[in-house]
Amino acid sequence: MSAVRFLDTNVLLYSISTDPGESTKRERAIALLEHDDCALSVQVLQEFYVQATRATRADALSHEIAVGLVKTWTRFPVQETTLALIEDAFEIRAVHRFSYWDSAIIAAARGLGCEELCSEDLAHGRTIDGVRIINPFR
């Protein structure tokens, strides 16, 4: 299986949203997750778990449900956090001036050979080191 699209945390979070104002984003996120050519990172899965189970979240998930979703999403290739990935993120941050965490997402997408990074948080249409940023919610 070859991963083409790397999914950022916001895609996973929209997929579980019960906010009526986010129904279009939820549908789009679910549609993305139905593809077999997606990829994630350990960082994305960790961020999802923390945000989805946050006590102040109106539609917070239980620990069990969040863990079940994370396990389900490991059907996709998952980039582990390695020293090489951290060093790559440092370089991306230095050159492109993204936050470290956004740089680590870009490094993970690049590390898995993804052509696209689906994220609401980065500049739509910009290409960083061969990875094109796509805002799927535009």
N, C-alpha and C. Protein backbone atom coordinates (compact mmCIF):
# COMPACT_ATOMS: atom_id res chain seq x y z
N MET A 1 0.84 -1.18 0.00
CA MET A 1 0.00 0.00 0.00
C MET A 1 0.89 1.24 0.00
N SER A 2 0.60 2.15 -0.90
CA SER A 2 1.38 3.37 -1.02
C SER A 2 0.54 4.54 -0.54
N ALA A 3 1.09 5.31 0.37
CA ALA A 3 0.39 6.46 0.92
C ALA A 3 0.63 7.67 0.03
N VAL A 4 -0.44 8.34 -0.33
CA VAL A 4 -0.36 9.55 -1.13
C VAL A 4 -0.67 10.77 -0.28
N ARG A 5 -1.67 10.61 0.62
CA ARG A 5 -2.15 11.72 1.44
C ARG A 5 -1.79 11.51 2.90
N PHE A 6 -1.18 12.51 3.47
CA PHE A 6 -0.91 12.50 4.91
C PHE A 6 -2.01 13.34 5.56
N LEU A 7 -2.63 12.80 6.60
CA LEU A 7 -3.73 13.50 7.26
C LEU A 7 -3.26 14.12 8.57
N ASP A 8 -3.52 15.41 8.72
CA ASP A 8 -3.19 16.12 9.94
C ASP A 8 -4.28 15.85 10.99
N THR A 9 -3.99 16.21 12.22
CA THR A 9 -4.88 15.94 13.34
C THR A 9 -6.27 16.52 13.14
N ASN A 10 -6.38 17.69 12.52
CA ASN A 10 -7.69 18.30 12.38
C ASN A 10 -8.64 17.44 11.54
N VAL A 11 -8.11 16.67 10.61
CA VAL A 11 -8.96 15.77 9.81
C VAL A 11 -9.59 14.72 10.73
N LEU A 12 -8.79 14.13 11.60
CA LEU A 12 -9.30 13.12 12.52
C LEU A 12 -10.32 13.72 13.48
N LEU A 13 -10.04 14.91 13.98
CA LEU A 13 -10.96 15.55 14.92
C LEU A 13 -12.29 15.92 14.27
N TYR A 14 -12.26 16.42 13.04
CA TYR A 14 -13.51 16.72 12.35
C TYR A 14 -14.33 15.45 12.10
N SER A 15 -13.66 14.33 11.93
CA SER A 15 -14.38 13.08 11.65
C SER A 15 -15.27 12.64 12.82
N ILE A 16 -14.98 13.13 14.02
CA ILE A 16 -15.78 12.76 15.19
C ILE A 16 -16.64 13.90 15.71
N SER A 17 -16.60 15.04 15.05
CA SER A 17 -17.31 16.21 15.53
C SER A 17 -18.83 15.99 15.49
N THR A 18 -19.49 16.43 16.54
CA THR A 18 -20.96 16.39 16.58
C THR A 18 -21.54 17.80 16.47
N ASP A 19 -20.69 18.79 16.24
CA ASP A 19 -21.13 20.18 16.09
C ASP A 19 -21.86 20.34 14.76
N PRO A 20 -23.13 20.74 14.79
CA PRO A 20 -23.87 20.92 13.53
C PRO A 20 -23.19 21.88 12.56
N GLY A 21 -22.48 22.86 13.08
CA GLY A 21 -21.77 23.81 12.24
C GLY A 21 -20.57 23.22 11.53
N GLU A 22 -20.16 22.03 11.94
CA GLU A 22 -19.01 21.36 11.32
C GLU A 22 -19.42 20.13 10.52
N SER A 23 -20.71 20.01 10.19
CA SER A 23 -21.18 18.80 9.52
C SER A 23 -20.54 18.60 8.14
N THR A 24 -20.32 19.67 7.40
CA THR A 24 -19.69 19.55 6.08
C THR A 24 -18.24 19.09 6.25
N LYS A 25 -17.54 19.66 7.23
CA LYS A 25 -16.16 19.24 7.48
C LYS A 25 -16.12 17.80 7.97
N ARG A 26 -17.08 17.41 8.79
CA ARG A 26 -17.13 16.02 9.26
C ARG A 26 -17.29 15.07 8.08
N GLU A 27 -18.20 15.37 7.19
CA GLU A 27 -18.42 14.52 6.02
C GLU A 27 -17.17 14.42 5.15
N ARG A 28 -16.50 15.55 4.96
CA ARG A 28 -15.27 15.54 4.14
C ARG A 28 -14.17 14.73 4.83
N ALA A 29 -14.04 14.88 6.14
CA ALA A 29 -13.02 14.13 6.89
C ALA A 29 -13.29 12.64 6.82
N ILE A 30 -14.53 12.25 6.99
CA ILE A 30 -14.89 10.83 6.91
C ILE A 30 -14.59 10.29 5.51
N ALA A 31 -14.90 11.08 4.49
CA ALA A 31 -14.62 10.65 3.11
C ALA A 31 -13.11 10.44 2.91
N LEU A 32 -12.29 11.32 3.46
CA LEU A 32 -10.84 11.15 3.35
C LEU A 32 -10.39 9.86 4.03
N LEU A 33 -10.94 9.59 5.21
CA LEU A 33 -10.54 8.40 5.97
C LEU A 33 -11.00 7.10 5.32
N GLU A 34 -11.90 7.17 4.36
CA GLU A 34 -12.35 5.97 3.65
C GLU A 34 -11.39 5.55 2.56
N HIS A 35 -10.45 6.42 2.21
CA HIS A 35 -9.44 6.08 1.20
C HIS A 35 -8.38 5.17 1.81
N ASP A 36 -7.77 4.34 0.98
CA ASP A 36 -6.72 3.44 1.45
C ASP A 36 -5.32 4.05 1.30
N ASP A 37 -5.23 5.20 0.67
CA ASP A 37 -3.92 5.77 0.38
C ASP A 37 -3.50 6.88 1.35
N CYS A 38 -4.01 6.82 2.56
CA CYS A 38 -3.70 7.83 3.58
C CYS A 38 -2.57 7.37 4.49
N ALA A 39 -2.00 8.33 5.19
CA ALA A 39 -0.94 8.04 6.17
C ALA A 39 -1.10 8.99 7.34
N LEU A 40 -0.53 8.59 8.45
CA LEU A 40 -0.58 9.36 9.69
C LEU A 40 0.79 9.29 10.35
N SER A 41 0.91 9.94 11.49
CA SER A 41 2.14 9.83 12.29
C SER A 41 1.75 9.57 13.73
N VAL A 42 2.73 9.13 14.50
CA VAL A 42 2.51 8.94 15.93
C VAL A 42 2.08 10.28 16.53
N GLN A 43 2.70 11.36 16.12
CA GLN A 43 2.33 12.69 16.64
C GLN A 43 0.86 12.99 16.39
N VAL A 44 0.37 12.73 15.19
CA VAL A 44 -1.04 13.00 14.86
C VAL A 44 -1.96 12.15 15.73
N LEU A 45 -1.63 10.89 15.90
CA LEU A 45 -2.46 10.01 16.73
C LEU A 45 -2.47 10.47 18.18
N GLN A 46 -1.32 10.90 18.68
CA GLN A 46 -1.25 11.41 20.06
C GLN A 46 -2.07 12.68 20.21
N GLU A 47 -1.93 13.60 19.28
CA GLU A 47 -2.68 14.86 19.34
C GLU A 47 -4.18 14.58 19.28
N PHE A 48 -4.59 13.65 18.40
CA PHE A 48 -6.00 13.29 18.32
C PHE A 48 -6.50 12.81 19.68
N TYR A 49 -5.80 11.86 20.27
CA TYR A 49 -6.24 11.28 21.55
C TYR A 49 -6.39 12.38 22.61
N VAL A 50 -5.39 13.24 22.73
CA VAL A 50 -5.42 14.29 23.76
C VAL A 50 -6.61 15.23 23.53
N GLN A 51 -6.79 15.68 22.30
CA GLN A 51 -7.87 16.63 22.02
C GLN A 51 -9.26 15.97 22.07
N ALA A 52 -9.37 14.75 21.61
CA ALA A 52 -10.67 14.08 21.57
C ALA A 52 -11.18 13.72 22.96
N THR A 53 -10.28 13.49 23.91
CA THR A 53 -10.69 13.09 25.26
C THR A 53 -10.62 14.24 26.26
N ARG A 54 -10.27 15.42 25.79
CA ARG A 54 -10.13 16.59 26.67
C ARG A 54 -11.44 16.85 27.41
N ALA A 55 -11.37 16.99 28.71
CA ALA A 55 -12.57 17.16 29.55
C ALA A 55 -13.39 18.38 29.15
N THR A 56 -12.75 19.41 28.64
CA THR A 56 -13.46 20.63 28.27
C THR A 56 -14.08 20.56 26.87
N ARG A 57 -13.86 19.48 26.17
CA ARG A 57 -14.46 19.31 24.84
C ARG A 57 -15.93 18.96 24.99
N ALA A 58 -16.79 19.66 24.30
CA ALA A 58 -18.23 19.45 24.42
C ALA A 58 -18.64 18.02 24.07
N ASP A 59 -18.00 17.44 23.08
CA ASP A 59 -18.34 16.08 22.65
C ASP A 59 -17.17 15.12 22.90
N ALA A 60 -16.57 15.25 24.08
CA ALA A 60 -15.39 14.44 24.42
C ALA A 60 -15.68 12.95 24.31
N LEU A 61 -14.70 12.23 23.79
CA LEU A 61 -14.80 10.78 23.70
C LEU A 61 -14.28 10.14 24.98
N SER A 62 -14.79 8.97 25.26
CA SER A 62 -14.23 8.20 26.37
C SER A 62 -12.85 7.68 25.95
N HIS A 63 -12.06 7.33 26.93
CA HIS A 63 -10.74 6.75 26.68
C HIS A 63 -10.87 5.55 25.74
N GLU A 64 -11.81 4.67 26.02
CA GLU A 64 -11.97 3.43 25.25
C GLU A 64 -12.30 3.70 23.78
N ILE A 65 -13.20 4.64 23.55
CA ILE A 65 -13.58 4.94 22.16
C ILE A 65 -12.42 5.59 21.42
N ALA A 66 -11.74 6.53 22.06
CA ALA A 66 -10.60 7.19 21.42
C ALA A 66 -9.50 6.19 21.09
N VAL A 67 -9.19 5.30 22.03
CA VAL A 67 -8.17 4.28 21.78
C VAL A 67 -8.60 3.36 20.64
N GLY A 68 -9.88 3.01 20.61
CA GLY A 68 -10.39 2.17 19.53
C GLY A 68 -10.21 2.82 18.17
N LEU A 69 -10.48 4.12 18.08
CA LEU A 69 -10.30 4.83 16.82
C LEU A 69 -8.83 4.87 16.43
N VAL A 70 -7.97 5.17 17.39
CA VAL A 70 -6.53 5.20 17.10
C VAL A 70 -6.09 3.83 16.56
N LYS A 71 -6.53 2.77 17.20
CA LYS A 71 -6.16 1.42 16.73
C LYS A 71 -6.69 1.15 15.33
N THR A 72 -7.90 1.61 15.05
CA THR A 72 -8.48 1.44 13.71
C THR A 72 -7.65 2.16 12.66
N TRP A 73 -7.20 3.37 12.99
CA TRP A 73 -6.44 4.16 12.03
C TRP A 73 -5.03 3.65 11.82
N THR A 74 -4.57 2.72 12.62
CA THR A 74 -3.23 2.16 12.38
C THR A 74 -3.25 1.20 11.19
N ARG A 75 -4.38 1.08 10.51
CA ARG A 75 -4.41 0.34 9.24
C ARG A 75 -3.64 1.12 8.17
N PHE A 76 -3.48 2.43 8.40
CA PHE A 76 -2.69 3.28 7.51
C PHE A 76 -1.22 3.21 7.91
N PRO A 77 -0.32 3.52 6.97
CA PRO A 77 1.08 3.67 7.38
C PRO A 77 1.19 4.77 8.43
N VAL A 78 1.97 4.52 9.47
CA VAL A 78 2.15 5.50 10.55
C VAL A 78 3.65 5.79 10.70
N GLN A 79 4.01 7.05 10.54
CA GLN A 79 5.40 7.47 10.70
C GLN A 79 5.71 7.58 12.18
N GLU A 80 6.71 6.84 12.61
CA GLU A 80 7.14 6.92 14.01
C GLU A 80 7.99 8.15 14.22
N THR A 81 8.06 8.60 15.45
CA THR A 81 8.94 9.71 15.79
C THR A 81 10.33 9.15 16.05
N THR A 82 11.26 9.57 15.23
CA THR A 82 12.65 9.10 15.33
C THR A 82 13.57 10.31 15.43
N LEU A 83 14.80 10.05 15.78
CA LEU A 83 15.77 11.13 15.83
C LEU A 83 15.93 11.76 14.44
N ALA A 84 15.93 10.96 13.41
CA ALA A 84 16.05 11.49 12.05
C ALA A 84 14.87 12.40 11.71
N LEU A 85 13.67 12.03 12.13
CA LEU A 85 12.49 12.85 11.87
C LEU A 85 12.59 14.17 12.63
N ILE A 86 13.04 14.12 13.87
CA ILE A 86 13.21 15.35 14.66
C ILE A 86 14.22 16.27 13.99
N GLU A 87 15.32 15.72 13.53
CA GLU A 87 16.34 16.54 12.85
C GLU A 87 15.79 17.14 11.56
N ASP A 88 14.99 16.36 10.83
CA ASP A 88 14.36 16.85 9.61
C ASP A 88 13.40 18.00 9.95
N ALA A 89 12.64 17.85 11.02
CA ALA A 89 11.71 18.90 11.45
C ALA A 89 12.47 20.17 11.82
N PHE A 90 13.61 20.02 12.49
CA PHE A 90 14.44 21.19 12.83
C PHE A 90 14.84 21.94 11.56
N GLU A 91 15.26 21.19 10.54
CA GLU A 91 15.68 21.80 9.28
C GLU A 91 14.51 22.52 8.60
N ILE A 92 13.36 21.87 8.55
CA ILE A 92 12.17 22.49 7.94
C ILE A 92 11.81 23.77 8.68
N ARG A 93 11.88 23.71 10.00
CA ARG A 93 11.56 24.89 10.81
C ARG A 93 12.53 26.03 10.52
N ALA A 94 13.81 25.72 10.44
CA ALA A 94 14.82 26.74 10.20
C ALA A 94 14.65 27.40 8.83
N VAL A 95 14.35 26.60 7.83
CA VAL A 95 14.26 27.11 6.47
C VAL A 95 12.92 27.81 6.20
N HIS A 96 11.82 27.21 6.68
CA HIS A 96 10.49 27.68 6.30
C HIS A 96 9.75 28.45 7.39
N ARG A 97 10.31 28.47 8.60
CA ARG A 97 9.77 29.25 9.71
C ARG A 97 8.40 28.77 10.22
N PHE A 98 8.08 27.50 10.03
CA PHE A 98 6.88 26.93 10.63
C PHE A 98 7.16 26.66 12.10
N SER A 99 6.11 26.41 12.88
CA SER A 99 6.32 25.96 14.25
C SER A 99 7.02 24.60 14.21
N TYR A 100 7.63 24.22 15.32
CA TYR A 100 8.25 22.89 15.35
C TYR A 100 7.22 21.81 15.05
N TRP A 101 6.03 21.88 15.67
CA TRP A 101 5.03 20.82 15.53
C TRP A 101 4.54 20.71 14.09
N ASP A 102 4.32 21.83 13.41
CA ASP A 102 3.95 21.79 11.99
C ASP A 102 5.10 21.24 11.16
N SER A 103 6.31 21.61 11.50
CA SER A 103 7.49 21.09 10.79
C SER A 103 7.60 19.59 10.95
N ALA A 104 7.28 19.07 12.13
CA ALA A 104 7.32 17.62 12.36
C ALA A 104 6.26 16.90 11.53
N ILE A 105 5.11 17.53 11.36
CA ILE A 105 4.05 16.95 10.50
C ILE A 105 4.54 16.88 9.06
N ILE A 106 5.14 17.95 8.59
CA ILE A 106 5.67 17.98 7.21
C ILE A 106 6.77 16.94 7.06
N ALA A 107 7.65 16.84 8.04
CA ALA A 107 8.73 15.85 8.00
C ALA A 107 8.17 14.43 7.96
N ALA A 108 7.12 14.18 8.72
CA ALA A 108 6.49 12.85 8.74
C ALA A 108 5.87 12.53 7.38
N ALA A 109 5.18 13.50 6.80
CA ALA A 109 4.58 13.29 5.47
C ALA A 109 5.66 13.00 4.45
N ARG A 110 6.72 13.76 4.49
CA ARG A 110 7.83 13.56 3.55
C ARG A 110 8.49 12.21 3.80
N GLY A 111 8.66 11.85 5.07
CA GLY A 111 9.29 10.59 5.42
C GLY A 111 8.55 9.38 4.89
N LEU A 112 7.23 9.51 4.76
CA LEU A 112 6.42 8.41 4.22
C LEU A 112 6.24 8.51 2.71
N GLY A 113 6.83 9.53 2.11
CA GLY A 113 6.74 9.69 0.66
C GLY A 113 5.40 10.21 0.17
N CYS A 114 4.66 10.90 1.03
CA CYS A 114 3.35 11.41 0.65
C CYS A 114 3.49 12.61 -0.28
N GLU A 115 2.59 12.70 -1.24
CA GLU A 115 2.57 13.83 -2.16
C GLU A 115 1.78 15.00 -1.60
N GLU A 116 0.78 14.69 -0.75
CA GLU A 116 -0.10 15.72 -0.20
C GLU A 116 -0.15 15.64 1.31
N LEU A 117 -0.31 16.80 1.92
CA LEU A 117 -0.54 16.91 3.36
C LEU A 117 -1.87 17.62 3.52
N CYS A 118 -2.87 16.89 4.00
CA CYS A 118 -4.20 17.46 4.19
C CYS A 118 -4.27 18.09 5.57
N SER A 119 -4.37 19.42 5.58
CA SER A 119 -4.38 20.16 6.84
C SER A 119 -5.11 21.48 6.67
N GLU A 120 -5.87 21.83 7.67
CA GLU A 120 -6.53 23.12 7.69
C GLU A 120 -5.60 24.20 8.24
N ASP A 121 -4.50 23.78 8.85
CA ASP A 121 -3.65 24.69 9.61
C ASP A 121 -2.47 25.29 8.85
N LEU A 122 -2.21 24.84 7.64
CA LEU A 122 -1.05 25.31 6.89
C LEU A 122 -1.50 25.99 5.60
N ALA A 123 -0.58 26.62 4.90
CA ALA A 123 -0.89 27.42 3.71
C ALA A 123 -1.31 26.54 2.54
N HIS A 124 -2.60 26.58 2.20
CA HIS A 124 -3.15 25.79 1.10
C HIS A 124 -2.40 26.10 -0.21
N GLY A 125 -2.01 25.03 -0.89
CA GLY A 125 -1.36 25.16 -2.19
C GLY A 125 0.15 25.27 -2.14
N ARG A 126 0.70 25.52 -0.98
CA ARG A 126 2.16 25.64 -0.85
C ARG A 126 2.80 24.26 -0.90
N THR A 127 3.95 24.16 -1.54
CA THR A 127 4.71 22.92 -1.59
C THR A 127 5.99 23.09 -0.79
N ILE A 128 6.21 22.17 0.15
CA ILE A 128 7.40 22.18 0.99
C ILE A 128 8.14 20.88 0.76
N ASP A 129 9.32 20.97 0.19
CA ASP A 129 10.17 19.80 -0.03
C ASP A 129 9.41 18.64 -0.69
N GLY A 130 8.61 18.96 -1.71
CA GLY A 130 7.91 17.95 -2.47
C GLY A 130 6.56 17.54 -1.91
N VAL A 131 6.14 18.12 -0.79
CA VAL A 131 4.84 17.80 -0.19
C VAL A 131 3.93 19.01 -0.37
N ARG A 132 2.83 18.79 -1.11
CA ARG A 132 1.87 19.87 -1.38
C ARG A 132 0.84 19.93 -0.26
N ILE A 133 0.62 21.11 0.28
CA ILE A 133 -0.35 21.30 1.36
C ILE A 133 -1.72 21.56 0.75
N ILE A 134 -2.68 20.77 1.18
CA ILE A 134 -4.05 20.87 0.70
C ILE A 134 -4.97 21.08 1.89
N ASN A 135 -5.79 22.11 1.84
CA ASN A 135 -6.83 22.29 2.85
C ASN A 135 -8.09 21.63 2.30
N PRO A 136 -8.44 20.46 2.79
CA PRO A 136 -9.59 19.74 2.24
C PRO A 136 -10.92 20.35 2.65
N PHE A 137 -10.90 21.37 3.48
CA PHE A 137 -12.14 21.96 3.99
C PHE A 137 -12.44 23.32 3.36
N ARG A 138 -11.66 23.71 2.38
CA ARG A 138 -11.86 25.00 1.68
C ARG A 138 -13.13 24.98 0.88
